[in-house]
């Protein structure tokens, strides 16, 4: 709580790393919204990344959770394999994905060439660099997969037996039983995925550093550069608080709407 309050106080100051701290009131916030065009650009790029990344990550993690929840021999091995990348450091992940996405000798373009497709220079292309970050950020899918897996295993098997006896196929069972019962978990994963995507920083710095031509200059990098490259800690704190308010609003809207689509088994009619 202390750092949070301190950052709020700093946002009202011209607070250099070294030098005199001057109280400026709301000037940092006014500059953000009226003068700094990079603020809007980085905000747009971040929201674009989030809108694409979150649905893809949730669908992929749910599919993997459905796969590893099957009672098949050797499935525990795949559970470990799918979860393992989440415990690897961001630096190691960036090195691996930097090699995979390399436009000249990357393995991804090699596989595309087998299909007679000419792959782009992923990390150096203004058009494809954001998609390169989305692909590389998918290494976090193991966390959501494990949460979905726990939810799937908590569903009483008797419900499936009753549905099978009634003649329901797998698609009907998924949409009528499985999906409604895991909507509380879906809500949790949705909120955490959005928060994580809006705060994405490590892979952005390590893979593209905002380039090329600022096409991946995301909001986290915008805050970071203002704080540690431009030595404007007060301005960076104001920027961070703006994102904090955005996250509060978005999560508030999601929780408000969850009353219409999250199934509460204990309060069912």
C-alpha atoms as a PDB file:
ATOM      1  CA  UNK A   1       0.000   0.000   0.000  1.00  0.00           C
ATOM      2  CA  UNK A   2       2.913   2.319   0.764  1.00  0.00           C
ATOM      3  CA  UNK A   3       4.374   2.364  -2.787  1.00  0.00           C
ATOM      4  CA  UNK A   4       0.878   2.896  -4.224  1.00  0.00           C
ATOM      5  CA  UNK A   5       0.282   5.983  -2.079  1.00  0.00           C
ATOM      6  CA  UNK A   6       3.802   7.233  -2.751  1.00  0.00           C
ATOM      7  CA  UNK A   7       3.321   6.982  -6.520  1.00  0.00           C
ATOM      8  CA  UNK A   8       0.075   8.961  -6.218  1.00  0.00           C
ATOM      9  CA  UNK A   9       1.900  11.707  -4.330  1.00  0.00           C
ATOM     10  CA  UNK A  10       4.730  11.707  -6.899  1.00  0.00           C
ATOM     11  CA  UNK A  11       2.236  12.148  -9.746  1.00  0.00           C
ATOM     12  CA  UNK A  12       1.566  15.720  -8.535  1.00  0.00           C
ATOM     13  CA  UNK A  13       5.234  16.683  -8.612  1.00  0.00           C
ATOM     14  CA  UNK A  14       7.963  17.379 -11.108  1.00  0.00           C
ATOM     15  CA  UNK A  15      10.064  14.595  -9.572  1.00  0.00           C
ATOM     16  CA  UNK A  16      13.441  13.998 -11.254  1.00  0.00           C
ATOM     17  CA  UNK A  17      15.708  11.123 -10.243  1.00  0.00           C
ATOM     18  CA  UNK A  18      18.284  13.635  -9.065  1.00  0.00           C
ATOM     19  CA  UNK A  19      17.396  17.213  -8.261  1.00  0.00           C
ATOM     20  CA  UNK A  20      14.749  19.371  -6.652  1.00  0.00           C
ATOM     21  CA  UNK A  21      11.174  18.124  -6.465  1.00  0.00           C
ATOM     22  CA  UNK A  22       8.594  20.756  -7.359  1.00  0.00           C
ATOM     23  CA  UNK A  23       4.860  20.501  -6.706  1.00  0.00           C
ATOM     24  CA  UNK A  24       2.987  21.031  -9.985  1.00  0.00           C
ATOM     25  CA  UNK A  25      -0.569  19.950  -9.128  1.00  0.00           C
ATOM     26  CA  UNK A  26      -2.417  18.326 -12.025  1.00  0.00           C
ATOM     27  CA  UNK A  27       0.048  19.513 -14.668  1.00  0.00           C
ATOM     28  CA  UNK A  28       1.362  15.980 -15.325  1.00  0.00           C
ATOM     29  CA  UNK A  29      -2.162  14.732 -15.998  1.00  0.00           C
ATOM     30  CA  UNK A  30      -3.011  17.773 -18.132  1.00  0.00           C
ATOM     31  CA  UNK A  31       0.121  17.256 -20.230  1.00  0.00           C
ATOM     32  CA  UNK A  32      -0.748  13.581 -20.709  1.00  0.00           C
ATOM     33  CA  UNK A  33      -4.180  14.272 -22.158  1.00  0.00           C
ATOM     34  CA  UNK A  34      -3.489  17.516 -24.038  1.00  0.00           C
ATOM     35  CA  UNK A  35       0.122  17.549 -25.238  1.00  0.00           C
ATOM     36  CA  UNK A  36       1.642  14.056 -25.307  1.00  0.00           C
ATOM     37  CA  UNK A  37       0.633  12.345 -28.557  1.00  0.00           C
ATOM     38  CA  UNK A  38       2.715   9.298 -27.627  1.00  0.00           C
ATOM     39  CA  UNK A  39       0.346   8.723 -24.726  1.00  0.00           C
ATOM     40  CA  UNK A  40      -2.567   8.092 -27.086  1.00  0.00           C
ATOM     41  CA  UNK A  41      -0.477   6.074 -29.529  1.00  0.00           C
ATOM     42  CA  UNK A  42       0.890   3.743 -26.848  1.00  0.00           C
ATOM     43  CA  UNK A  43      -2.568   3.420 -25.326  1.00  0.00           C
ATOM     44  CA  UNK A  44      -4.036   2.419 -28.696  1.00  0.00           C
ATOM     45  CA  UNK A  45      -1.279  -0.141 -29.337  1.00  0.00           C
ATOM     46  CA  UNK A  46      -1.783  -1.628 -25.868  1.00  0.00           C
ATOM     47  CA  UNK A  47      -5.537  -1.948 -26.299  1.00  0.00           C
ATOM     48  CA  UNK A  48      -5.034  -3.446 -29.761  1.00  0.00           C
ATOM     49  CA  UNK A  49      -2.671  -6.027 -28.282  1.00  0.00           C
ATOM     50  CA  UNK A  50      -5.135  -6.787 -25.472  1.00  0.00           C
ATOM     51  CA  UNK A  51      -8.163  -7.187 -27.754  1.00  0.00           C
ATOM     52  CA  UNK A  52      -6.328  -9.797 -29.846  1.00  0.00           C
ATOM     53  CA  UNK A  53      -4.226 -11.485 -27.176  1.00  0.00           C
ATOM     54  CA  UNK A  54      -6.834 -12.105 -24.460  1.00  0.00           C
ATOM     55  CA  UNK A  55      -9.450 -14.038 -26.517  1.00  0.00           C
ATOM     56  CA  UNK A  56      -6.766 -16.097 -28.262  1.00  0.00           C
ATOM     57  CA  UNK A  57      -5.063 -16.934 -24.976  1.00  0.00           C
ATOM     58  CA  UNK A  58      -8.302 -17.883 -23.229  1.00  0.00           C
ATOM     59  CA  UNK A  59      -9.483 -20.128 -26.071  1.00  0.00           C
ATOM     60  CA  UNK A  60      -6.076 -21.806 -26.348  1.00  0.00           C
ATOM     61  CA  UNK A  61      -5.785 -22.366 -22.590  1.00  0.00           C
ATOM     62  CA  UNK A  62      -9.301 -23.822 -22.441  1.00  0.00           C
ATOM     63  CA  UNK A  63      -8.582 -26.192 -25.334  1.00  0.00           C
ATOM     64  CA  UNK A  64      -5.369 -27.341 -23.657  1.00  0.00           C
ATOM     65  CA  UNK A  65      -7.213 -27.791 -20.353  1.00  0.00           C
ATOM     66  CA  UNK A  66      -9.836 -29.943 -22.081  1.00  0.00           C
ATOM     67  CA  UNK A  67      -7.043 -31.972 -23.649  1.00  0.00           C
ATOM     68  CA  UNK A  68      -5.075 -32.640 -20.451  1.00  0.00           C
ATOM     69  CA  UNK A  69      -8.262 -33.405 -18.506  1.00  0.00           C
ATOM     70  CA  UNK A  70      -8.717 -36.591 -20.528  1.00  0.00           C
ATOM     71  CA  UNK A  71      -8.023 -39.775 -18.594  1.00  0.00           C
ATOM     72  CA  UNK A  72      -5.450 -41.146 -20.991  1.00  0.00           C
ATOM     73  CA  UNK A  73      -2.133 -42.842 -20.339  1.00  0.00           C
ATOM     74  CA  UNK A  74       0.797 -40.417 -20.277  1.00  0.00           C
ATOM     75  CA  UNK A  75      -1.373 -37.293 -20.025  1.00  0.00           C
ATOM     76  CA  UNK A  76       0.499 -36.154 -16.904  1.00  0.00           C
ATOM     77  CA  UNK A  77       3.586 -35.716 -19.119  1.00  0.00           C
ATOM     78  CA  UNK A  78       1.728 -33.238 -21.336  1.00  0.00           C
ATOM     79  CA  UNK A  79       0.441 -31.357 -18.289  1.00  0.00           C
ATOM     80  CA  UNK A  80       4.034 -30.742 -17.273  1.00  0.00           C
ATOM     81  CA  UNK A  81       5.124 -29.825 -20.809  1.00  0.00           C
ATOM     82  CA  UNK A  82       2.324 -27.298 -21.301  1.00  0.00           C
ATOM     83  CA  UNK A  83       2.875 -25.684 -17.903  1.00  0.00           C
ATOM     84  CA  UNK A  84       6.693 -25.687 -17.933  1.00  0.00           C
ATOM     85  CA  UNK A  85       7.175 -22.494 -20.038  1.00  0.00           C
ATOM     86  CA  UNK A  86       5.436 -20.416 -17.355  1.00  0.00           C
ATOM     87  CA  UNK A  87       8.292 -21.002 -14.889  1.00  0.00           C
ATOM     88  CA  UNK A  88      10.960 -19.931 -17.397  1.00  0.00           C
ATOM     89  CA  UNK A  89      12.254 -16.356 -17.047  1.00  0.00           C
ATOM     90  CA  UNK A  90      11.207 -13.651 -19.495  1.00  0.00           C
ATOM     91  CA  UNK A  91      14.824 -13.224 -20.605  1.00  0.00           C
ATOM     92  CA  UNK A  92      15.120 -16.871 -21.605  1.00  0.00           C
ATOM     93  CA  UNK A  93      11.736 -16.772 -23.308  1.00  0.00           C
ATOM     94  CA  UNK A  94      12.721 -13.669 -25.281  1.00  0.00           C
ATOM     95  CA  UNK A  95      15.931 -15.344 -26.471  1.00  0.00           C
ATOM     96  CA  UNK A  96      14.017 -18.433 -27.602  1.00  0.00           C
ATOM     97  CA  UNK A  97      11.303 -16.445 -29.376  1.00  0.00           C
ATOM     98  CA  UNK A  98      13.855 -14.075 -30.870  1.00  0.00           C
ATOM     99  CA  UNK A  99      15.358 -17.106 -32.575  1.00  0.00           C
ATOM    100  CA  UNK A 100      12.005 -18.618 -33.567  1.00  0.00           C
ATOM    101  CA  UNK A 101      10.707 -15.337 -35.051  1.00  0.00           C
ATOM    102  CA  UNK A 102      13.935 -14.311 -36.787  1.00  0.00           C
ATOM    103  CA  UNK A 103      13.128 -13.314 -40.357  1.00  0.00           C
ATOM    104  CA  UNK A 104      16.242 -14.906 -41.887  1.00  0.00           C
ATOM    105  CA  UNK A 105      16.850 -18.162 -40.015  1.00  0.00           C
ATOM    106  CA  UNK A 106      13.858 -18.450 -37.661  1.00  0.00           C
ATOM    107  CA  UNK A 107      12.216 -21.845 -37.314  1.00  0.00           C
ATOM    108  CA  UNK A 108       8.721 -20.370 -37.787  1.00  0.00           C
ATOM    109  CA  UNK A 109       9.558 -19.043 -41.243  1.00  0.00           C
ATOM    110  CA  UNK A 110      11.282 -22.339 -42.032  1.00  0.00           C
ATOM    111  CA  UNK A 111       8.065 -24.265 -41.398  1.00  0.00           C
ATOM    112  CA  UNK A 112       6.132 -21.689 -43.414  1.00  0.00           C
ATOM    113  CA  UNK A 113       8.558 -22.171 -46.305  1.00  0.00           C
ATOM    114  CA  UNK A 114       7.762 -25.888 -46.280  1.00  0.00           C
ATOM    115  CA  UNK A 115       4.152 -24.874 -46.959  1.00  0.00           C
ATOM    116  CA  UNK A 116       5.380 -22.600 -49.783  1.00  0.00           C
ATOM    117  CA  UNK A 117       4.638 -19.496 -47.705  1.00  0.00           C
ATOM    118  CA  UNK A 118       7.140 -16.670 -47.444  1.00  0.00           C
ATOM    119  CA  UNK A 119       7.224 -15.606 -43.818  1.00  0.00           C
ATOM    120  CA  UNK A 120       7.724 -11.947 -42.867  1.00  0.00           C
ATOM    121  CA  UNK A 121      10.525 -10.461 -40.814  1.00  0.00           C
ATOM    122  CA  UNK A 122       8.358 -10.696 -37.720  1.00  0.00           C
ATOM    123  CA  UNK A 123      10.272  -8.536 -35.264  1.00  0.00           C
ATOM    124  CA  UNK A 124      11.357  -5.892 -37.776  1.00  0.00           C
ATOM    125  CA  UNK A 125       8.081  -5.448 -39.604  1.00  0.00           C
ATOM    126  CA  UNK A 126       5.795  -2.562 -38.658  1.00  0.00           C
ATOM    127  CA  UNK A 127       2.820  -4.671 -39.774  1.00  0.00           C
ATOM    128  CA  UNK A 128       3.650  -7.983 -38.096  1.00  0.00           C
ATOM    129  CA  UNK A 129       5.645  -7.013 -34.990  1.00  0.00           C
ATOM    130  CA  UNK A 130       2.539  -6.719 -32.797  1.00  0.00           C
ATOM    131  CA  UNK A 131       1.509 -10.248 -33.826  1.00  0.00           C
ATOM    132  CA  UNK A 132       5.017 -11.461 -33.001  1.00  0.00           C
ATOM    133  CA  UNK A 133       4.543 -10.147 -29.462  1.00  0.00           C
ATOM    134  CA  UNK A 134       1.141 -11.830 -29.235  1.00  0.00           C
ATOM    135  CA  UNK A 135       2.644 -15.160 -30.275  1.00  0.00           C
ATOM    136  CA  UNK A 136       5.586 -14.827 -27.883  1.00  0.00           C
ATOM    137  CA  UNK A 137       3.335 -13.751 -24.993  1.00  0.00           C
ATOM    138  CA  UNK A 138       1.410 -16.994 -25.376  1.00  0.00           C
ATOM    139  CA  UNK A 139       3.992 -18.693 -23.138  1.00  0.00           C
ATOM    140  CA  UNK A 140       1.820 -17.645 -20.161  1.00  0.00           C
ATOM    141  CA  UNK A 141      -0.996 -19.890 -21.336  1.00  0.00           C
ATOM    142  CA  UNK A 142       0.028 -22.603 -18.866  1.00  0.00           C
ATOM    143  CA  UNK A 143      -1.250 -20.655 -15.859  1.00  0.00           C
ATOM    144  CA  UNK A 144      -4.752 -20.200 -17.249  1.00  0.00           C
ATOM    145  CA  UNK A 145      -4.703 -23.760 -18.547  1.00  0.00           C
ATOM    146  CA  UNK A 146      -4.055 -25.068 -15.041  1.00  0.00           C
ATOM    147  CA  UNK A 147      -6.854 -22.928 -13.579  1.00  0.00           C
ATOM    148  CA  UNK A 148      -9.281 -24.194 -16.234  1.00  0.00           C
ATOM    149  CA  UNK A 149      -8.103 -27.755 -15.629  1.00  0.00           C
ATOM    150  CA  UNK A 150      -8.889 -27.460 -11.911  1.00  0.00           C
ATOM    151  CA  UNK A 151     -12.358 -26.137 -12.719  1.00  0.00           C
ATOM    152  CA  UNK A 152     -13.026 -28.930 -15.213  1.00  0.00           C
ATOM    153  CA  UNK A 153     -12.027 -31.582 -12.689  1.00  0.00           C
ATOM    154  CA  UNK A 154     -14.410 -30.112 -10.106  1.00  0.00           C
ATOM    155  CA  UNK A 155     -17.490 -30.734 -12.285  1.00  0.00           C
ATOM    156  CA  UNK A 156     -19.465 -33.740 -10.947  1.00  0.00           C
ATOM    157  CA  UNK A 157     -19.226 -36.658 -13.365  1.00  0.00           C
ATOM    158  CA  UNK A 158     -22.853 -37.535 -12.643  1.00  0.00           C
ATOM    159  CA  UNK A 159     -23.916 -34.555 -14.762  1.00  0.00           C
ATOM    160  CA  UNK A 160     -22.083 -35.961 -17.751  1.00  0.00           C
ATOM    161  CA  UNK A 161     -23.548 -39.420 -17.195  1.00  0.00           C
ATOM    162  CA  UNK A 162     -27.076 -38.017 -17.130  1.00  0.00           C
ATOM    163  CA  UNK A 163     -26.466 -36.056 -20.327  1.00  0.00           C
ATOM    164  CA  UNK A 164     -25.051 -39.103 -22.115  1.00  0.00           C
ATOM    165  CA  UNK A 165     -28.056 -41.195 -21.060  1.00  0.00           C
ATOM    166  CA  UNK A 166     -30.330 -38.476 -22.468  1.00  0.00           C
ATOM    167  CA  UNK A 167     -28.503 -38.776 -25.789  1.00  0.00           C
ATOM    168  CA  UNK A 168     -26.472 -35.542 -25.721  1.00  0.00           C
ATOM    169  CA  UNK A 169     -23.361 -35.426 -27.895  1.00  0.00           C
ATOM    170  CA  UNK A 170     -20.011 -33.880 -26.920  1.00  0.00           C
ATOM    171  CA  UNK A 171     -20.818 -30.458 -28.368  1.00  0.00           C
ATOM    172  CA  UNK A 172     -24.104 -30.214 -26.476  1.00  0.00           C
ATOM    173  CA  UNK A 173     -22.417 -31.429 -23.277  1.00  0.00           C
ATOM    174  CA  UNK A 174     -19.726 -28.764 -23.583  1.00  0.00           C
ATOM    175  CA  UNK A 175     -22.085 -25.834 -24.173  1.00  0.00           C
ATOM    176  CA  UNK A 176     -24.850 -26.955 -21.815  1.00  0.00           C
ATOM    177  CA  UNK A 177     -22.825 -28.376 -18.923  1.00  0.00           C
ATOM    178  CA  UNK A 178     -19.082 -27.744 -19.078  1.00  0.00           C
ATOM    179  CA  UNK A 179     -19.001 -24.121 -20.219  1.00  0.00           C
ATOM    180  CA  UNK A 180     -21.723 -22.802 -17.860  1.00  0.00           C
ATOM    181  CA  UNK A 181     -20.122 -24.492 -14.842  1.00  0.00           C
ATOM    182  CA  UNK A 182     -16.669 -23.037 -15.527  1.00  0.00           C
ATOM    183  CA  UNK A 183     -17.869 -19.470 -16.183  1.00  0.00           C
ATOM    184  CA  UNK A 184     -16.679 -18.311 -12.704  1.00  0.00           C
ATOM    185  CA  UNK A 185     -13.215 -19.555 -13.656  1.00  0.00           C
ATOM    186  CA  UNK A 186     -13.596 -17.957 -17.077  1.00  0.00           C
ATOM    187  CA  UNK A 187     -14.338 -14.650 -15.349  1.00  0.00           C
ATOM    188  CA  UNK A 188     -11.194 -14.964 -13.227  1.00  0.00           C
ATOM    189  CA  UNK A 189      -8.992 -15.816 -16.211  1.00  0.00           C
ATOM    190  CA  UNK A 190     -10.529 -13.028 -18.296  1.00  0.00           C
ATOM    191  CA  UNK A 191      -9.826 -10.353 -15.686  1.00  0.00           C
ATOM    192  CA  UNK A 192      -6.284 -11.521 -14.940  1.00  0.00           C
ATOM    193  CA  UNK A 193      -5.472 -11.861 -18.657  1.00  0.00           C
ATOM    194  CA  UNK A 194      -6.670  -8.322 -19.391  1.00  0.00           C
ATOM    195  CA  UNK A 195      -4.697  -6.874 -16.483  1.00  0.00           C
ATOM    196  CA  UNK A 196      -1.573  -8.765 -17.551  1.00  0.00           C
ATOM    197  CA  UNK A 197      -1.927  -7.688 -21.184  1.00  0.00           C
ATOM    198  CA  UNK A 198      -2.415  -4.016 -20.294  1.00  0.00           C
ATOM    199  CA  UNK A 199       0.738  -4.115 -18.149  1.00  0.00           C
ATOM    200  CA  UNK A 200       2.887  -6.051 -20.596  1.00  0.00           C
ATOM    201  CA  UNK A 201       6.470  -4.789 -20.514  1.00  0.00           C
ATOM    202  CA  UNK A 202       9.225  -7.402 -20.209  1.00  0.00           C
ATOM    203  CA  UNK A 203       8.848  -9.079 -23.608  1.00  0.00           C
ATOM    204  CA  UNK A 204       8.271  -5.728 -25.308  1.00  0.00           C
ATOM    205  CA  UNK A 205      11.611  -4.428 -24.066  1.00  0.00           C
ATOM    206  CA  UNK A 206      13.490  -7.648 -24.731  1.00  0.00           C
ATOM    207  CA  UNK A 207      12.073  -8.459 -28.179  1.00  0.00           C
ATOM    208  CA  UNK A 208      11.300  -5.151 -29.917  1.00  0.00           C
ATOM    209  CA  UNK A 209      11.937  -2.292 -27.451  1.00  0.00           C
ATOM    210  CA  UNK A 210       8.941  -0.546 -28.982  1.00  0.00           C
ATOM    211  CA  UNK A 211      10.072  -0.841 -32.589  1.00  0.00           C
ATOM    212  CA  UNK A 212      10.049  -0.873 -35.465  1.00  0.00           C
ATOM    213  CA  UNK A 213       8.849   2.731 -35.904  1.00  0.00           C
ATOM    214  CA  UNK A 214       7.132   2.577 -32.491  1.00  0.00           C
ATOM    215  CA  UNK A 215       4.684  -0.047 -33.773  1.00  0.00           C
ATOM    216  CA  UNK A 216       5.019  -1.981 -30.488  1.00  0.00           C
ATOM    217  CA  UNK A 217       5.544   1.011 -28.210  1.00  0.00           C
ATOM    218  CA  UNK A 218       3.125  -0.220 -25.555  1.00  0.00           C
ATOM    219  CA  UNK A 219       1.945   1.691 -22.519  1.00  0.00           C
ATOM    220  CA  UNK A 220       4.201  -0.135 -20.070  1.00  0.00           C
ATOM    221  CA  UNK A 221       7.222   0.914 -22.133  1.00  0.00           C
ATOM    222  CA  UNK A 222       5.870   4.468 -22.277  1.00  0.00           C
ATOM    223  CA  UNK A 223       5.786   4.607 -18.467  1.00  0.00           C
ATOM    224  CA  UNK A 224       9.176   2.903 -18.148  1.00  0.00           C
ATOM    225  CA  UNK A 225      10.925   5.294 -20.539  1.00  0.00           C
ATOM    226  CA  UNK A 226       9.470   8.372 -18.869  1.00  0.00           C
ATOM    227  CA  UNK A 227      10.623   7.131 -15.478  1.00  0.00           C
ATOM    228  CA  UNK A 228      14.088   5.753 -16.173  1.00  0.00           C
ATOM    229  CA  UNK A 229      15.241   7.259 -19.478  1.00  0.00           C
ATOM    230  CA  UNK A 230      13.765  10.735 -19.213  1.00  0.00           C
ATOM    231  CA  UNK A 231      14.042  10.851 -15.397  1.00  0.00           C
ATOM    232  CA  UNK A 232      10.442  12.077 -15.074  1.00  0.00           C
ATOM    233  CA  UNK A 233       9.265   9.994 -12.147  1.00  0.00           C
ATOM    234  CA  UNK A 234       6.295  12.244 -11.429  1.00  0.00           C
ATOM    235  CA  UNK A 235       5.090  12.108 -15.023  1.00  0.00           C
ATOM    236  CA  UNK A 236       5.567   8.338 -15.131  1.00  0.00           C
ATOM    237  CA  UNK A 237       3.609   7.983 -11.876  1.00  0.00           C
ATOM    238  CA  UNK A 238       0.742  10.005 -13.370  1.00  0.00           C
ATOM    239  CA  UNK A 239       0.837   7.752 -16.450  1.00  0.00           C
ATOM    240  CA  UNK A 240       0.737   4.645 -14.272  1.00  0.00           C
ATOM    241  CA  UNK A 241      -2.244   5.985 -12.333  1.00  0.00           C
ATOM    242  CA  UNK A 242      -4.132   6.688 -15.557  1.00  0.00           C
ATOM    243  CA  UNK A 243      -3.664   3.045 -16.551  1.00  0.00           C
ATOM    244  CA  UNK A 244      -4.708   1.990 -13.040  1.00  0.00           C
ATOM    245  CA  UNK A 245      -7.978   3.911 -13.481  1.00  0.00           C
ATOM    246  CA  UNK A 246      -8.511   2.336 -16.904  1.00  0.00           C
ATOM    247  CA  UNK A 247      -8.018  -1.135 -15.411  1.00  0.00           C
ATOM    248  CA  UNK A 248     -10.468  -0.341 -12.596  1.00  0.00           C
ATOM    249  CA  UNK A 249     -13.102   0.778 -15.109  1.00  0.00           C
ATOM    250  CA  UNK A 250     -12.627  -2.238 -17.384  1.00  0.00           C
ATOM    251  CA  UNK A 251     -12.716  -4.771 -14.544  1.00  0.00           C
ATOM    252  CA  UNK A 252     -15.717  -2.975 -13.061  1.00  0.00           C
ATOM    253  CA  UNK A 253     -17.611  -3.286 -16.346  1.00  0.00           C
ATOM    254  CA  UNK A 254     -16.681  -6.967 -16.635  1.00  0.00           C
ATOM    255  CA  UNK A 255     -17.814  -7.751 -13.089  1.00  0.00           C
ATOM    256  CA  UNK A 256     -21.041  -5.808 -13.659  1.00  0.00           C
ATOM    257  CA  UNK A 257     -21.778  -7.748 -16.846  1.00  0.00           C
ATOM    258  CA  UNK A 258     -20.813 -11.074 -15.216  1.00  0.00           C
ATOM    259  CA  UNK A 259     -24.210 -11.206 -13.513  1.00  0.00           C
ATOM    260  CA  UNK A 260     -25.687 -11.988 -16.925  1.00  0.00           C
ATOM    261  CA  UNK A 261     -23.291 -14.705 -18.060  1.00  0.00           C
ATOM    262  CA  UNK A 262     -21.556 -16.224 -15.031  1.00  0.00           C
ATOM    263  CA  UNK A 263     -23.417 -19.274 -13.755  1.00  0.00           C
ATOM    264  CA  UNK A 264     -23.772 -19.424  -9.974  1.00  0.00           C
ATOM    265  CA  UNK A 265     -24.536 -23.016  -9.054  1.00  0.00           C
ATOM    266  CA  UNK A 266     -25.355 -22.188  -5.419  1.00  0.00           C
ATOM    267  CA  UNK A 267     -27.893 -19.503  -6.391  1.00  0.00           C
ATOM    268  CA  UNK A 268     -29.478 -21.191  -9.414  1.00  0.00           C
ATOM    269  CA  UNK A 269     -33.201 -20.831  -9.796  1.00  0.00           C
END
